[in-house]
Amino acid sequence: MAKTNLDDETTAALTLFNEYVAADRERAQREQRLQKAQRAKDDAAVLVKKLSKGGSSKELSEAEAAYRSAAEKWKALYDGKEPPADAQDGEATESAEPESETEAEADAEAEKGDKTETET
């Protein structure tokens, strides 16, 4: 492409326009995150209501904890704050790898033991 020379006024106008576009893009992304957080909070509230009518106390307490977490994330986004990175994705990022091969084997053994205990 050929490089064109722009006067100062045109350069300033283009810079202002680019800043507006970037700000608008950020606003749209923030709105999407806020809507996603609102849906997660609403879904968690529905689950709490459902389990309060007929669910185990363990399930209800887990659902209440999930609701509180979703509500905190929504509130942070609503207030213009960014929640922690692990809460932003809506997923727990537990990708800690075992330090050694024997530790990985110990974890596998523990999982097998947990499964056999729940099956009996």
C-alpha atoms as a PDB file:
ATOM      1  CA  MET A   1       0.000   0.000   0.000  1.00  0.00           C
ATOM      2  CA  ALA A   2       1.086   3.484  -0.699  1.00  0.00           C
ATOM      3  CA  LYS A   3       1.761   5.633   2.305  1.00  0.00           C
ATOM      4  CA  THR A   4      -0.242   8.826   2.351  1.00  0.00           C
ATOM      5  CA  ASN A   5       0.647  11.985   4.165  1.00  0.00           C
ATOM      6  CA  LEU A   6      -2.107  13.271   6.405  1.00  0.00           C
ATOM      7  CA  ASP A   7      -2.373  16.698   7.878  1.00  0.00           C
ATOM      8  CA  ASP A   8      -2.439  17.145  11.648  1.00  0.00           C
ATOM      9  CA  GLU A   9      -6.217  17.649  11.801  1.00  0.00           C
ATOM     10  CA  THR A  10      -6.943  14.405   9.944  1.00  0.00           C
ATOM     11  CA  THR A  11      -4.415  12.491  12.056  1.00  0.00           C
ATOM     12  CA  ALA A  12      -6.031  13.806  15.248  1.00  0.00           C
ATOM     13  CA  ALA A  13      -9.500  12.869  13.979  1.00  0.00           C
ATOM     14  CA  LEU A  14      -8.373   9.351  13.086  1.00  0.00           C
ATOM     15  CA  THR A  15      -6.707   8.926  16.465  1.00  0.00           C
ATOM     16  CA  LEU A  16      -9.862  10.064  18.232  1.00  0.00           C
ATOM     17  CA  PHE A  17     -11.957   7.704  16.120  1.00  0.00           C
ATOM     18  CA  ASN A  18      -9.657   4.749  16.872  1.00  0.00           C
ATOM     19  CA  GLU A  19      -9.846   5.501  20.592  1.00  0.00           C
ATOM     20  CA  TYR A  20     -13.640   5.600  20.371  1.00  0.00           C
ATOM     21  CA  VAL A  21     -13.727   2.242  18.567  1.00  0.00           C
ATOM     22  CA  ALA A  22     -11.458   0.660  21.183  1.00  0.00           C
ATOM     23  CA  ALA A  23     -13.555   2.047  24.047  1.00  0.00           C
ATOM     24  CA  ASP A  24     -16.763   0.858  22.398  1.00  0.00           C
ATOM     25  CA  ARG A  25     -15.276  -2.620  21.942  1.00  0.00           C
ATOM     26  CA  GLU A  26     -14.285  -2.750  25.622  1.00  0.00           C
ATOM     27  CA  ARG A  27     -17.767  -1.598  26.666  1.00  0.00           C
ATOM     28  CA  ALA A  28     -19.408  -4.302  24.549  1.00  0.00           C
ATOM     29  CA  GLN A  29     -17.124  -6.979  26.028  1.00  0.00           C
ATOM     30  CA  ARG A  30     -17.899  -5.759  29.552  1.00  0.00           C
ATOM     31  CA  GLU A  31     -21.629  -5.924  28.821  1.00  0.00           C
ATOM     32  CA  GLN A  32     -21.271  -9.485  27.542  1.00  0.00           C
ATOM     33  CA  ARG A  33     -19.373 -10.532  30.678  1.00  0.00           C
ATOM     34  CA  LEU A  34     -22.017  -8.861  32.835  1.00  0.00           C
ATOM     35  CA  GLN A  35     -24.856 -10.640  31.009  1.00  0.00           C
ATOM     36  CA  LYS A  36     -23.058 -13.980  31.298  1.00  0.00           C
ATOM     37  CA  ALA A  37     -22.556 -13.421  35.032  1.00  0.00           C
ATOM     38  CA  GLN A  38     -26.232 -12.465  35.395  1.00  0.00           C
ATOM     39  CA  ARG A  39     -27.325 -15.698  33.680  1.00  0.00           C
ATOM     40  CA  ALA A  40     -25.009 -17.760  35.897  1.00  0.00           C
ATOM     41  CA  LYS A  41     -26.394 -16.050  39.002  1.00  0.00           C
ATOM     42  CA  ASP A  42     -29.980 -16.602  37.861  1.00  0.00           C
ATOM     43  CA  ASP A  43     -29.320 -20.266  37.038  1.00  0.00           C
ATOM     44  CA  ALA A  44     -27.754 -20.797  40.455  1.00  0.00           C
ATOM     45  CA  ALA A  45     -30.738 -19.134  42.136  1.00  0.00           C
ATOM     46  CA  VAL A  46     -33.143 -21.441  40.283  1.00  0.00           C
ATOM     47  CA  LEU A  47     -31.123 -24.464  41.411  1.00  0.00           C
ATOM     48  CA  VAL A  48     -31.136 -23.275  45.036  1.00  0.00           C
ATOM     49  CA  LYS A  49     -34.902 -22.781  44.897  1.00  0.00           C
ATOM     50  CA  LYS A  50     -35.402 -26.228  43.354  1.00  0.00           C
ATOM     51  CA  LEU A  51     -33.186 -27.963  45.917  1.00  0.00           C
ATOM     52  CA  SER A  52     -34.767 -26.117  48.831  1.00  0.00           C
ATOM     53  CA  LYS A  53     -38.065 -27.786  47.917  1.00  0.00           C
ATOM     54  CA  GLY A  54     -36.647 -31.268  47.635  1.00  0.00           C
ATOM     55  CA  GLY A  55     -32.972 -31.952  47.750  1.00  0.00           C
ATOM     56  CA  SER A  56     -30.354 -33.152  50.162  1.00  0.00           C
ATOM     57  CA  SER A  57     -28.778 -30.702  52.540  1.00  0.00           C
ATOM     58  CA  LYS A  58     -25.350 -31.329  50.983  1.00  0.00           C
ATOM     59  CA  GLU A  59     -26.626 -30.495  47.487  1.00  0.00           C
ATOM     60  CA  LEU A  60     -28.409 -27.432  48.842  1.00  0.00           C
ATOM     61  CA  SER A  61     -25.312 -26.130  50.612  1.00  0.00           C
ATOM     62  CA  GLU A  62     -23.222 -26.650  47.446  1.00  0.00           C
ATOM     63  CA  ALA A  63     -25.851 -24.835  45.368  1.00  0.00           C
ATOM     64  CA  GLU A  64     -25.950 -21.971  47.874  1.00  0.00           C
ATOM     65  CA  ALA A  65     -22.157 -21.680  47.729  1.00  0.00           C
ATOM     66  CA  ALA A  66     -22.299 -21.620  43.920  1.00  0.00           C
ATOM     67  CA  TYR A  67     -24.976 -18.913  44.088  1.00  0.00           C
ATOM     68  CA  ARG A  68     -22.911 -16.785  46.468  1.00  0.00           C
ATOM     69  CA  SER A  69     -19.892 -17.115  44.191  1.00  0.00           C
ATOM     70  CA  ALA A  70     -21.926 -16.186  41.106  1.00  0.00           C
ATOM     71  CA  ALA A  71     -23.520 -13.254  42.935  1.00  0.00           C
ATOM     72  CA  GLU A  72     -20.107 -11.944  44.042  1.00  0.00           C
ATOM     73  CA  LYS A  73     -18.777 -12.187  40.488  1.00  0.00           C
ATOM     74  CA  TRP A  74     -21.836 -10.377  39.099  1.00  0.00           C
ATOM     75  CA  LYS A  75     -21.562  -7.652  41.767  1.00  0.00           C
ATOM     76  CA  ALA A  76     -17.865  -7.123  41.011  1.00  0.00           C
ATOM     77  CA  LEU A  77     -18.565  -6.791  37.291  1.00  0.00           C
ATOM     78  CA  TYR A  78     -21.541  -4.527  37.950  1.00  0.00           C
ATOM     79  CA  ASP A  79     -19.384  -2.259  40.104  1.00  0.00           C
ATOM     80  CA  GLY A  80     -16.822  -2.049  37.315  1.00  0.00           C
ATOM     81  CA  LYS A  81     -14.266  -4.254  39.011  1.00  0.00           C
ATOM     82  CA  GLU A  82     -12.789  -7.296  37.367  1.00  0.00           C
ATOM     83  CA  PRO A  83     -13.175 -10.522  39.337  1.00  0.00           C
ATOM     84  CA  PRO A  84     -10.147 -12.782  39.814  1.00  0.00           C
ATOM     85  CA  ALA A  85      -8.919 -14.530  36.681  1.00  0.00           C
ATOM     86  CA  ASP A  86     -10.183 -17.957  37.749  1.00  0.00           C
ATOM     87  CA  ALA A  87     -13.666 -16.569  38.347  1.00  0.00           C
ATOM     88  CA  GLN A  88     -13.739 -14.715  35.035  1.00  0.00           C
ATOM     89  CA  ASP A  89     -13.809 -17.866  32.967  1.00  0.00           C
ATOM     90  CA  GLY A  90     -16.470 -19.401  35.080  1.00  0.00           C
ATOM     91  CA  GLU A  91     -14.327 -22.473  35.424  1.00  0.00           C
ATOM     92  CA  ALA A  92     -12.002 -23.635  38.126  1.00  0.00           C
ATOM     93  CA  THR A  93      -8.504 -23.640  36.775  1.00  0.00           C
ATOM     94  CA  GLU A  94      -7.065 -26.518  38.724  1.00  0.00           C
ATOM     95  CA  SER A  95      -4.291 -27.508  36.390  1.00  0.00           C
ATOM     96  CA  ALA A  96      -1.677 -28.076  39.050  1.00  0.00           C
ATOM     97  CA  GLU A  97       0.474 -30.938  37.903  1.00  0.00           C
ATOM     98  CA  PRO A  98       1.967 -33.436  40.314  1.00  0.00           C
ATOM     99  CA  GLU A  99       5.548 -32.679  41.255  1.00  0.00           C
ATOM    100  CA  SER A 100       6.808 -36.175  40.610  1.00  0.00           C
ATOM    101  CA  GLU A 101       5.851 -39.465  39.045  1.00  0.00           C
ATOM    102  CA  THR A 102       5.352 -41.121  42.422  1.00  0.00           C
ATOM    103  CA  GLU A 103       3.040 -38.325  43.488  1.00  0.00           C
ATOM    104  CA  ALA A 104       0.964 -38.863  40.322  1.00  0.00           C
ATOM    105  CA  GLU A 105       0.790 -42.582  41.116  1.00  0.00           C
ATOM    106  CA  ALA A 106      -0.278 -41.805  44.689  1.00  0.00           C
ATOM    107  CA  ASP A 107      -3.032 -39.547  43.384  1.00  0.00           C
ATOM    108  CA  ALA A 108      -4.227 -42.281  41.021  1.00  0.00           C
ATOM    109  CA  GLU A 109      -4.238 -44.817  43.883  1.00  0.00           C
ATOM    110  CA  ALA A 110      -6.249 -42.413  46.047  1.00  0.00           C
ATOM    111  CA  GLU A 111      -8.817 -41.917  43.278  1.00  0.00           C
ATOM    112  CA  LYS A 112      -9.183 -45.680  42.845  1.00  0.00           C
ATOM    113  CA  GLY A 113      -9.704 -46.027  46.593  1.00  0.00           C
ATOM    114  CA  ASP A 114     -12.355 -43.301  46.583  1.00  0.00           C
ATOM    115  CA  LYS A 115     -14.236 -44.983  43.754  1.00  0.00           C
ATOM    116  CA  THR A 116     -14.259 -48.390  45.422  1.00  0.00           C
ATOM    117  CA  GLU A 117     -15.468 -46.903  48.709  1.00  0.00           C
ATOM    118  CA  THR A 118     -18.422 -45.201  47.003  1.00  0.00           C
ATOM    119  CA  GLU A 119     -19.337 -48.337  45.047  1.00  0.00           C
ATOM    120  CA  THR A 120     -19.643 -50.565  48.121  1.00  0.00           C
END
